[in-house]
PDB file of N, CA and C in Angstrom:
ATOM      1  N   MET A   1       0.833  -1.205  -0.028  1.00  0.00           N
ATOM      2  CA  MET A   1       0.047  -0.003  -0.100  1.00  0.00           C
ATOM      3  C   MET A   1       0.831   1.237   0.017  1.00  0.00           C
ATOM      4  N   ALA A   2       0.616   2.112  -0.948  1.00  0.00           N
ATOM      5  CA  ALA A   2       1.363   3.457  -0.935  1.00  0.00           C
ATOM      6  C   ALA A   2       1.079   4.319   0.075  1.00  0.00           C
ATOM      7  N   PRO A   3       2.098   5.113   0.688  1.00  0.00           N
ATOM      8  CA  PRO A   3       1.668   6.051   1.610  1.00  0.00           C
ATOM      9  C   PRO A   3       0.815   7.180   1.048  1.00  0.00           C
ATOM     10  N   PRO A   4      -0.043   7.815   1.975  1.00  0.00           N
ATOM     11  CA  PRO A   4      -0.943   8.835   1.653  1.00  0.00           C
ATOM     12  C   PRO A   4      -0.218  10.055   1.072  1.00  0.00           C
ATOM     13  N   ASN A   5      -0.881  10.787   0.120  1.00  0.00           N
ATOM     14  CA  ASN A   5      -0.266  12.050  -0.321  1.00  0.00           C
ATOM     15  C   ASN A   5      -0.628  13.037   0.691  1.00  0.00           C
ATOM     16  N   VAL A   6       0.416  13.603   1.432  1.00  0.00           N
ATOM     17  CA  VAL A   6       0.070  14.528   2.440  1.00  0.00           C
ATOM     18  C   VAL A   6       0.317  16.010   2.001  1.00  0.00           C
ATOM     19  N   ASP A   7       0.532  16.289   0.775  1.00  0.00           N
ATOM     20  CA  ASP A   7       0.855  17.535   0.229  1.00  0.00           C
ATOM     21  C   ASP A   7      -0.070  18.676   0.643  1.00  0.00           C
ATOM     22  N   ASN A   8      -1.388  18.447   0.616  1.00  0.00           N
ATOM     23  CA  ASN A   8      -2.434  19.354   0.920  1.00  0.00           C
ATOM     24  C   ASN A   8      -3.096  19.085   2.211  1.00  0.00           C
ATOM     25  N   MET A   9      -2.583  18.436   3.200  1.00  0.00           N
ATOM     26  CA  MET A   9      -3.091  18.203   4.553  1.00  0.00           C
ATOM     27  C   MET A   9      -2.578  19.169   5.386  1.00  0.00           C
ATOM     28  N   PHE A  10      -3.303  19.292   6.611  1.00  0.00           N
ATOM     29  CA  PHE A  10      -2.885  20.272   7.665  1.00  0.00           C
ATOM     30  C   PHE A  10      -2.417  19.494   8.781  1.00  0.00           C
ATOM     31  N   THR A  11      -1.132  19.808   9.115  1.00  0.00           N
ATOM     32  CA  THR A  11      -0.445  19.008  10.038  1.00  0.00           C
ATOM     33  C   THR A  11      -0.411  19.621  11.418  1.00  0.00           C
ATOM     34  N   LEU A  12      -0.583  18.658  12.539  1.00  0.00           N
ATOM     35  CA  LEU A  12      -0.424  18.928  13.862  1.00  0.00           C
ATOM     36  C   LEU A  12       0.806  18.139  14.385  1.00  0.00           C
ATOM     37  N   LYS A  13       1.734  18.760  14.948  1.00  0.00           N
ATOM     38  CA  LYS A  13       2.779  17.919  15.731  1.00  0.00           C
ATOM     39  C   LYS A  13       2.355  17.708  17.055  1.00  0.00           C
ATOM     40  N   VAL A  14       2.196  16.507  17.526  1.00  0.00           N
ATOM     41  CA  VAL A  14       1.884  16.218  18.855  1.00  0.00           C
ATOM     42  C   VAL A  14       3.002  15.656  19.708  1.00  0.00           C
ATOM     43  N   ASP A  15       3.437  16.348  20.660  1.00  0.00           N
ATOM     44  CA  ASP A  15       4.515  15.928  21.603  1.00  0.00           C
ATOM     45  C   ASP A  15       3.906  15.204  22.847  1.00  0.00           C
ATOM     46  N   ASN A  16       4.774  14.649  23.634  1.00  0.00           N
ATOM     47  CA  ASN A  16       4.442  13.975  24.859  1.00  0.00           C
ATOM     48  C   ASN A  16       3.427  12.789  24.686  1.00  0.00           C
ATOM     49  N   VAL A  17       3.634  12.117  23.581  1.00  0.00           N
ATOM     50  CA  VAL A  17       2.803  11.024  23.233  1.00  0.00           C
ATOM     51  C   VAL A  17       3.320   9.716  24.041  1.00  0.00           C
ATOM     52  N   PRO A  18       2.515   8.981  24.808  1.00  0.00           N
ATOM     53  CA  PRO A  18       3.069   7.897  25.405  1.00  0.00           C
ATOM     54  C   PRO A  18       3.567   6.862  24.473  1.00  0.00           C
ATOM     55  N   PHE A  19       4.575   6.207  24.932  1.00  0.00           N
ATOM     56  CA  PHE A  19       5.351   5.244  24.079  1.00  0.00           C
ATOM     57  C   PHE A  19       4.585   4.178  23.726  1.00  0.00           C
ATOM     58  N   GLN A  20       3.525   3.737  24.477  1.00  0.00           N
ATOM     59  CA  GLN A  20       2.660   2.689  24.130  1.00  0.00           C
ATOM     60  C   GLN A  20       1.481   2.891  23.284  1.00  0.00           C
ATOM     61  N   ILE A  21       1.396   4.167  22.933  1.00  0.00           N
ATOM     62  CA  ILE A  21       0.145   4.561  22.113  1.00  0.00           C
ATOM     63  C   ILE A  21       0.469   4.272  20.486  1.00  0.00           C
ATOM     64  N   GLY A  22      -0.544   3.847  19.860  1.00  0.00           N
ATOM     65  CA  GLY A  22      -0.343   3.552  18.423  1.00  0.00           C
ATOM     66  C   GLY A  22      -0.966   4.466  17.571  1.00  0.00           C
ATOM     67  N   SER A  23      -0.851   4.412  16.365  1.00  0.00           N
ATOM     68  CA  SER A  23      -1.393   5.303  15.409  1.00  0.00           C
ATOM     69  C   SER A  23      -3.024   5.258  15.410  1.00  0.00           C
ATOM     70  N   ASP A  24      -3.511   3.994  15.553  1.00  0.00           N
ATOM     71  CA  ASP A  24      -4.981   3.815  15.717  1.00  0.00           C
ATOM     72  C   ASP A  24      -5.638   4.513  16.832  1.00  0.00           C
ATOM     73  N   GLU A  25      -4.853   4.514  18.118  1.00  0.00           N
ATOM     74  CA  GLU A  25      -5.377   5.285  19.226  1.00  0.00           C
ATOM     75  C   GLU A  25      -5.387   6.694  19.013  1.00  0.00           C
ATOM     76  N   LEU A  26      -4.255   7.285  18.366  1.00  0.00           N
ATOM     77  CA  LEU A  26      -4.213   8.744  18.023  1.00  0.00           C
ATOM     78  C   LEU A  26      -5.362   9.064  16.999  1.00  0.00           C
ATOM     79  N   ARG A  27      -5.448   8.277  16.111  1.00  0.00           N
ATOM     80  CA  ARG A  27      -6.549   8.525  15.145  1.00  0.00           C
ATOM     81  C   ARG A  27      -7.884   8.632  15.677  1.00  0.00           C
ATOM     82  N   ASP A  28      -8.241   7.642  16.729  1.00  0.00           N
ATOM     83  CA  ASP A  28      -9.561   7.663  17.337  1.00  0.00           C
ATOM     84  C   ASP A  28      -9.634   8.944  18.132  1.00  0.00           C
ATOM     85  N   LEU A  29      -8.506   9.313  18.817  1.00  0.00           N
ATOM     86  CA  LEU A  29      -8.540  10.490  19.649  1.00  0.00           C
ATOM     87  C   LEU A  29      -8.831  11.822  18.908  1.00  0.00           C
ATOM     88  N   PHE A  30      -8.250  11.884  17.831  1.00  0.00           N
ATOM     89  CA  PHE A  30      -8.362  13.149  16.984  1.00  0.00           C
ATOM     90  C   PHE A  30      -9.454  13.177  16.024  1.00  0.00           C
ATOM     91  N   SER A  31      -9.976  12.093  15.657  1.00  0.00           N
ATOM     92  CA  SER A  31     -10.952  11.897  14.474  1.00  0.00           C
ATOM     93  C   SER A  31     -12.340  12.618  14.926  1.00  0.00           C
ATOM     94  N   LYS A  32     -12.524  12.848  16.210  1.00  0.00           N
ATOM     95  CA  LYS A  32     -13.780  13.637  16.605  1.00  0.00           C
ATOM     96  C   LYS A  32     -13.853  15.008  16.081  1.00  0.00           C
ATOM     97  N   PHE A  33     -12.808  15.437  15.630  1.00  0.00           N
ATOM     98  CA  PHE A  33     -12.707  16.736  15.166  1.00  0.00           C
ATOM     99  C   PHE A  33     -12.754  16.926  13.527  1.00  0.00           C
ATOM    100  N   GLY A  34     -12.586  15.882  12.885  1.00  0.00           N
ATOM    101  CA  GLY A  34     -12.831  15.857  11.443  1.00  0.00           C
ATOM    102  C   GLY A  34     -12.012  14.693  10.834  1.00  0.00           C
ATOM    103  N   GLU A  35     -12.049  14.657   9.492  1.00  0.00           N
ATOM    104  CA  GLU A  35     -11.389  13.625   8.758  1.00  0.00           C
ATOM    105  C   GLU A  35      -9.819  13.558   8.813  1.00  0.00           C
ATOM    106  N   ILE A  36      -9.286  12.527   9.268  1.00  0.00           N
ATOM    107  CA  ILE A  36      -7.877  12.417   9.402  1.00  0.00           C
ATOM    108  C   ILE A  36      -7.234  11.775   8.105  1.00  0.00           C
ATOM    109  N   GLY A  37      -6.341  12.488   7.557  1.00  0.00           N
ATOM    110  CA  GLY A  37      -5.760  11.932   6.340  1.00  0.00           C
ATOM    111  C   GLY A  37      -4.517  10.991   6.649  1.00  0.00           C
ATOM    112  N   ASP A  38      -3.850  11.246   7.738  1.00  0.00           N
ATOM    113  CA  ASP A  38      -2.715  10.411   8.097  1.00  0.00           C
ATOM    114  C   ASP A  38      -2.283  10.591   9.486  1.00  0.00           C
ATOM    115  N   VAL A  39      -1.838   9.640  10.112  1.00  0.00           N
ATOM    116  CA  VAL A  39      -1.168   9.598  11.450  1.00  0.00           C
ATOM    117  C   VAL A  39       0.150   8.947  11.333  1.00  0.00           C
ATOM    118  N   TYR A  40       1.258   9.712  11.649  1.00  0.00           N
ATOM    119  CA  TYR A  40       2.501   9.099  11.535  1.00  0.00           C
ATOM    120  C   TYR A  40       3.303   9.243  12.876  1.00  0.00           C
ATOM    121  N   ILE A  41       3.734   8.135  13.517  1.00  0.00           N
ATOM    122  CA  ILE A  41       4.523   8.058  14.668  1.00  0.00           C
ATOM    123  C   ILE A  41       5.958   7.666  14.384  1.00  0.00           C
ATOM    124  N   PRO A  42       6.951   8.635  14.416  1.00  0.00           N
ATOM    125  CA  PRO A  42       8.278   8.211  14.049  1.00  0.00           C
ATOM    126  C   PRO A  42       8.864   7.114  15.232  1.00  0.00           C
ATOM    127  N   ARG A  43       9.554   6.302  14.682  1.00  0.00           N
ATOM    128  CA  ARG A  43      10.081   5.164  15.467  1.00  0.00           C
ATOM    129  C   ARG A  43      11.618   5.201  15.646  1.00  0.00           C
ATOM    130  N   ALA A  44      12.197   4.824  16.672  1.00  0.00           N
ATOM    131  CA  ALA A  44      13.562   4.855  16.885  1.00  0.00           C
ATOM    132  C   ALA A  44      14.219   3.749  16.010  1.00  0.00           C
ATOM    133  N   ARG A  45      15.366   3.877  15.252  1.00  0.00           N
ATOM    134  CA  ARG A  45      16.004   2.890  14.477  1.00  0.00           C
ATOM    135  C   ARG A  45      16.513   1.752  15.464  1.00  0.00           C
ATOM    136  N   GLY A  46      16.456   0.598  15.012  1.00  0.00           N
ATOM    137  CA  GLY A  46      16.940  -0.567  15.912  1.00  0.00           C
ATOM    138  C   GLY A  46      15.798  -1.160  16.789  1.00  0.00           C
ATOM    139  N   SER A  47      15.238  -0.217  17.683  1.00  0.00           N
ATOM    140  CA  SER A  47      14.270  -0.800  18.634  1.00  0.00           C
ATOM    141  C   SER A  47      12.887  -0.745  18.159  1.00  0.00           C
ATOM    142  N   ASN A  48      12.588   0.148  17.289  1.00  0.00           N
ATOM    143  CA  ASN A  48      11.313   0.379  16.667  1.00  0.00           C
ATOM    144  C   ASN A  48      10.258   1.001  17.636  1.00  0.00           C
ATOM    145  N   GLU A  49      10.783   1.619  18.729  1.00  0.00           N
ATOM    146  CA  GLU A  49       9.946   2.232  19.758  1.00  0.00           C
ATOM    147  C   GLU A  49       9.562   3.579  19.362  1.00  0.00           C
ATOM    148  N   SER A  50       8.467   4.139  19.833  1.00  0.00           N
ATOM    149  CA  SER A  50       8.112   5.389  19.474  1.00  0.00           C
ATOM    150  C   SER A  50       9.047   6.441  20.055  1.00  0.00           C
ATOM    151  N   ARG A  51       9.267   7.479  19.272  1.00  0.00           N
ATOM    152  CA  ARG A  51      10.123   8.552  19.814  1.00  0.00           C
ATOM    153  C   ARG A  51       9.411   9.557  20.649  1.00  0.00           C
ATOM    154  N   GLY A  52       8.151   9.380  21.062  1.00  0.00           N
ATOM    155  CA  GLY A  52       7.390  10.318  21.906  1.00  0.00           C
ATOM    156  C   GLY A  52       6.705  11.440  21.349  1.00  0.00           C
ATOM    157  N   PHE A  53       6.612  11.486  19.897  1.00  0.00           N
ATOM    158  CA  PHE A  53       5.820  12.473  19.295  1.00  0.00           C
ATOM    159  C   PHE A  53       5.208  11.854  17.921  1.00  0.00           C
ATOM    160  N   ALA A  54       4.343  12.561  17.420  1.00  0.00           N
ATOM    161  CA  ALA A  54       3.696  12.134  16.251  1.00  0.00           C
ATOM    162  C   ALA A  54       3.107  13.374  15.433  1.00  0.00           C
ATOM    163  N   PHE A  55       2.770  13.014  14.230  1.00  0.00           N
ATOM    164  CA  PHE A  55       2.137  13.919  13.350  1.00  0.00           C
ATOM    165  C   PHE A  55       0.728  13.479  12.959  1.00  0.00           C
ATOM    166  N   VAL A  56      -0.245  14.444  13.250  1.00  0.00           N
ATOM    167  CA  VAL A  56      -1.605  14.049  12.843  1.00  0.00           C
ATOM    168  C   VAL A  56      -2.056  14.963  11.756  1.00  0.00           C
ATOM    169  N   ARG A  57      -2.416  14.483  10.689  1.00  0.00           N
ATOM    170  CA  ARG A  57      -2.609  15.396   9.479  1.00  0.00           C
ATOM    171  C   ARG A  57      -4.157  15.212   9.127  1.00  0.00           C
ATOM    172  N   PHE A  58      -4.840  16.475   9.075  1.00  0.00           N
ATOM    173  CA  PHE A  58      -6.215  16.580   8.655  1.00  0.00           C
ATOM    174  C   PHE A  58      -6.331  16.968   7.296  1.00  0.00           C
ATOM    175  N   ILE A  59      -7.432  16.636   6.612  1.00  0.00           N
ATOM    176  CA  ILE A  59      -7.869  16.905   5.348  1.00  0.00           C
ATOM    177  C   ILE A  59      -8.294  18.428   5.218  1.00  0.00           C
ATOM    178  N   GLU A  60      -8.935  18.885   6.284  1.00  0.00           N
ATOM    179  CA  GLU A  60      -9.420  20.393   6.226  1.00  0.00           C
ATOM    180  C   GLU A  60      -8.844  21.199   7.428  1.00  0.00           C
ATOM    181  N   LYS A  61      -8.395  22.367   7.002  1.00  0.00           N
ATOM    182  CA  LYS A  61      -7.810  23.312   8.004  1.00  0.00           C
ATOM    183  C   LYS A  61      -8.681  23.592   9.150  1.00  0.00           C
ATOM    184  N   ARG A  62      -9.993  23.825   8.941  1.00  0.00           N
ATOM    185  CA  ARG A  62     -10.950  23.970  10.066  1.00  0.00           C
ATOM    186  C   ARG A  62     -10.931  22.917  11.152  1.00  0.00           C
ATOM    187  N   ASP A  63     -10.770  21.630  10.634  1.00  0.00           N
ATOM    188  CA  ASP A  63     -10.788  20.521  11.455  1.00  0.00           C
ATOM    189  C   ASP A  63      -9.595  20.436  12.308  1.00  0.00           C
ATOM    190  N   ALA A  64      -8.452  20.787  11.694  1.00  0.00           N
ATOM    191  CA  ALA A  64      -7.126  20.966  12.546  1.00  0.00           C
ATOM    192  C   ALA A  64      -7.257  22.034  13.569  1.00  0.00           C
ATOM    193  N   GLU A  65      -7.857  23.126  13.312  1.00  0.00           N
ATOM    194  CA  GLU A  65      -8.071  24.268  14.143  1.00  0.00           C
ATOM    195  C   GLU A  65      -8.956  23.793  15.250  1.00  0.00           C
ATOM    196  N   ASP A  66     -10.002  23.079  14.993  1.00  0.00           N
ATOM    197  CA  ASP A  66     -10.952  22.607  16.057  1.00  0.00           C
ATOM    198  C   ASP A  66     -10.150  21.541  16.949  1.00  0.00           C
ATOM    199  N   ALA A  67      -9.266  20.752  16.396  1.00  0.00           N
ATOM    200  CA  ALA A  67      -8.566  19.766  17.168  1.00  0.00           C
ATOM    201  C   ALA A  67      -7.623  20.666  18.199  1.00  0.00           C
ATOM    202  N   ILE A  68      -7.046  21.707  17.697  1.00  0.00           N
ATOM    203  CA  ILE A  68      -6.188  22.461  18.635  1.00  0.00           C
ATOM    204  C   ILE A  68      -7.017  23.057  19.755  1.00  0.00           C
ATOM    205  N   ASP A  69      -8.122  23.599  19.439  1.00  0.00           N
ATOM    206  CA  ASP A  69      -9.008  24.176  20.470  1.00  0.00           C
ATOM    207  C   ASP A  69      -9.514  23.103  21.415  1.00  0.00           C
ATOM    208  N   GLY A  70      -9.842  21.879  20.854  1.00  0.00           N
ATOM    209  CA  GLY A  70     -10.457  20.941  21.568  1.00  0.00           C
ATOM    210  C   GLY A  70      -9.747  20.048  22.466  1.00  0.00           C
ATOM    211  N   MET A  71      -8.424  19.958  22.111  1.00  0.00           N
ATOM    212  CA  MET A  71      -7.351  19.138  22.847  1.00  0.00           C
ATOM    213  C   MET A  71      -6.560  19.999  23.816  1.00  0.00           C
ATOM    214  N   GLU A  72      -6.752  21.412  23.844  1.00  0.00           N
ATOM    215  CA  GLU A  72      -6.060  22.250  24.831  1.00  0.00           C
ATOM    216  C   GLU A  72      -6.294  21.778  26.175  1.00  0.00           C
ATOM    217  N   GLY A  73      -5.241  21.347  26.892  1.00  0.00           N
ATOM    218  CA  GLY A  73      -5.442  21.018  28.287  1.00  0.00           C
ATOM    219  C   GLY A  73      -5.864  19.594  28.543  1.00  0.00           C
ATOM    220  N   GLN A  74      -6.039  18.859  27.543  1.00  0.00           N
ATOM    221  CA  GLN A  74      -6.554  17.373  27.415  1.00  0.00           C
ATOM    222  C   GLN A  74      -5.251  16.435  27.268  1.00  0.00           C
ATOM    223  N   GLU A  75      -5.441  15.330  27.873  1.00  0.00           N
ATOM    224  CA  GLU A  75      -4.680  14.209  27.638  1.00  0.00           C
ATOM    225  C   GLU A  75      -3.203  14.323  27.928  1.00  0.00           C
ATOM    226  N   ARG A  76      -2.764  15.476  28.370  1.00  0.00           N
ATOM    227  CA  ARG A  76      -1.337  15.751  28.702  1.00  0.00           C
ATOM    228  C   ARG A  76      -0.496  15.743  27.349  1.00  0.00           C
ATOM    229  N   LEU A  77      -1.123  15.907  26.260  1.00  0.00           N
ATOM    230  CA  LEU A  77      -0.386  16.040  24.904  1.00  0.00           C
ATOM    231  C   LEU A  77      -0.107  17.427  24.668  1.00  0.00           C
ATOM    232  N   ILE A  78       1.099  17.638  24.182  1.00  0.00           N
ATOM    233  CA  ILE A  78       1.453  18.878  23.772  1.00  0.00           C
ATOM    234  C   ILE A  78       1.276  19.051  22.126  1.00  0.00           C
ATOM    235  N   ILE A  79       0.534  19.989  21.734  1.00  0.00           N
ATOM    236  CA  ILE A  79       0.300  20.071  20.351  1.00  0.00           C
ATOM    237  C   ILE A  79       0.882  21.312  19.680  1.00  0.00           C
ATOM    238  N   LEU A  80       1.843  21.211  18.842  1.00  0.00           N
ATOM    239  CA  LEU A  80       2.475  22.300  18.080  1.00  0.00           C
ATOM    240  C   LEU A  80       1.875  22.490  16.756  1.00  0.00           C
ATOM    241  N   VAL A  81       1.720  23.613  16.273  1.00  0.00           N
ATOM    242  CA  VAL A  81       0.846  23.904  15.229  1.00  0.00           C
ATOM    243  C   VAL A  81       1.612  24.112  13.899  1.00  0.00           C
ATOM    244  N   SER A  82       1.164  23.504  12.847  1.00  0.00           N
ATOM    245  CA  SER A  82       1.685  23.745  11.587  1.00  0.00           C
ATOM    246  C   SER A  82       0.460  23.906  10.729  1.00  0.00           C
ATOM    247  N   LEU A  83      -0.256  24.923  10.728  1.00  0.00           N
ATOM    248  CA  LEU A  83      -1.587  25.089  10.094  1.00  0.00           C
ATOM    249  C   LEU A  83      -1.509  25.616   8.621  1.00  0.00           C
ATOM    250  N   PHE A  84      -0.655  24.734   7.843  1.00  0.00           N
ATOM    251  CA  PHE A  84      -0.643  25.134   6.411  1.00  0.00           C
ATOM    252  C   PHE A  84      -0.517  23.786   5.821  1.00  0.00           C
ATOM    253  N   PRO A  85      -0.779  23.729   4.518  1.00  0.00           N
ATOM    254  CA  PRO A  85      -0.627  22.461   3.800  1.00  0.00           C
ATOM    255  C   PRO A  85       0.895  22.003   4.000  1.00  0.00           C
ATOM    256  N   THR A  86       1.124  20.830   4.172  1.00  0.00           N
ATOM    257  CA  THR A  86       2.385  20.267   4.437  1.00  0.00           C
ATOM    258  C   THR A  86       3.525  20.696   3.531  1.00  0.00           C
ATOM    259  N   ASN A  87       3.316  20.771   2.134  1.00  0.00           N
ATOM    260  CA  ASN A  87       4.285  21.241   1.327  1.00  0.00           C
ATOM    261  C   ASN A  87       3.968  22.583   0.770  1.00  0.00           C
ATOM    262  N   SER A  88       3.490  23.477   1.429  1.00  0.00           N
ATOM    263  CA  SER A  88       3.071  24.810   1.027  1.00  0.00           C
ATOM    264  C   SER A  88       4.139  25.534   0.445  1.00  0.00           C
ATOM    265  N   THR A  89       4.021  26.273  -0.675  1.00  0.00           N
ATOM    266  CA  THR A  89       5.058  27.098  -1.210  1.00  0.00           C
ATOM    267  C   THR A  89       4.665  28.723  -0.874  1.00  0.00           C
ATOM    268  N   ASP A  90       3.650  28.929  -0.165  1.00  0.00           N
ATOM    269  CA  ASP A  90       3.167  30.273   0.160  1.00  0.00           C
ATOM    270  C   ASP A  90       4.110  30.761   1.266  1.00  0.00           C
ATOM    271  N   ALA A  91       4.420  31.954   1.253  1.00  0.00           N
ATOM    272  CA  ALA A  91       5.300  32.691   2.242  1.00  0.00           C
ATOM    273  C   ALA A  91       4.401  33.232   3.333  1.00  0.00           C
TER     274      ALA A  91
END
């Protein structure tokens, strides 16, 4: 299966992700705000353990904004915002 095209998705970087959480759990947690295009959890080389952060990509900008507002102060996750298409060329 080919990876999703993330070029026009809106990305949230989520820090403080528990090492035992998987992409399905993150997808469930954030999907209440809108359609998720991709969830990516970087893994350490060799051990394949989570590195403690993830990227949640939304199809719509408004859904990403709603997730930021809705997750504020919840779940002890730290959400850093990148509210522009992943490969935007706009300045």
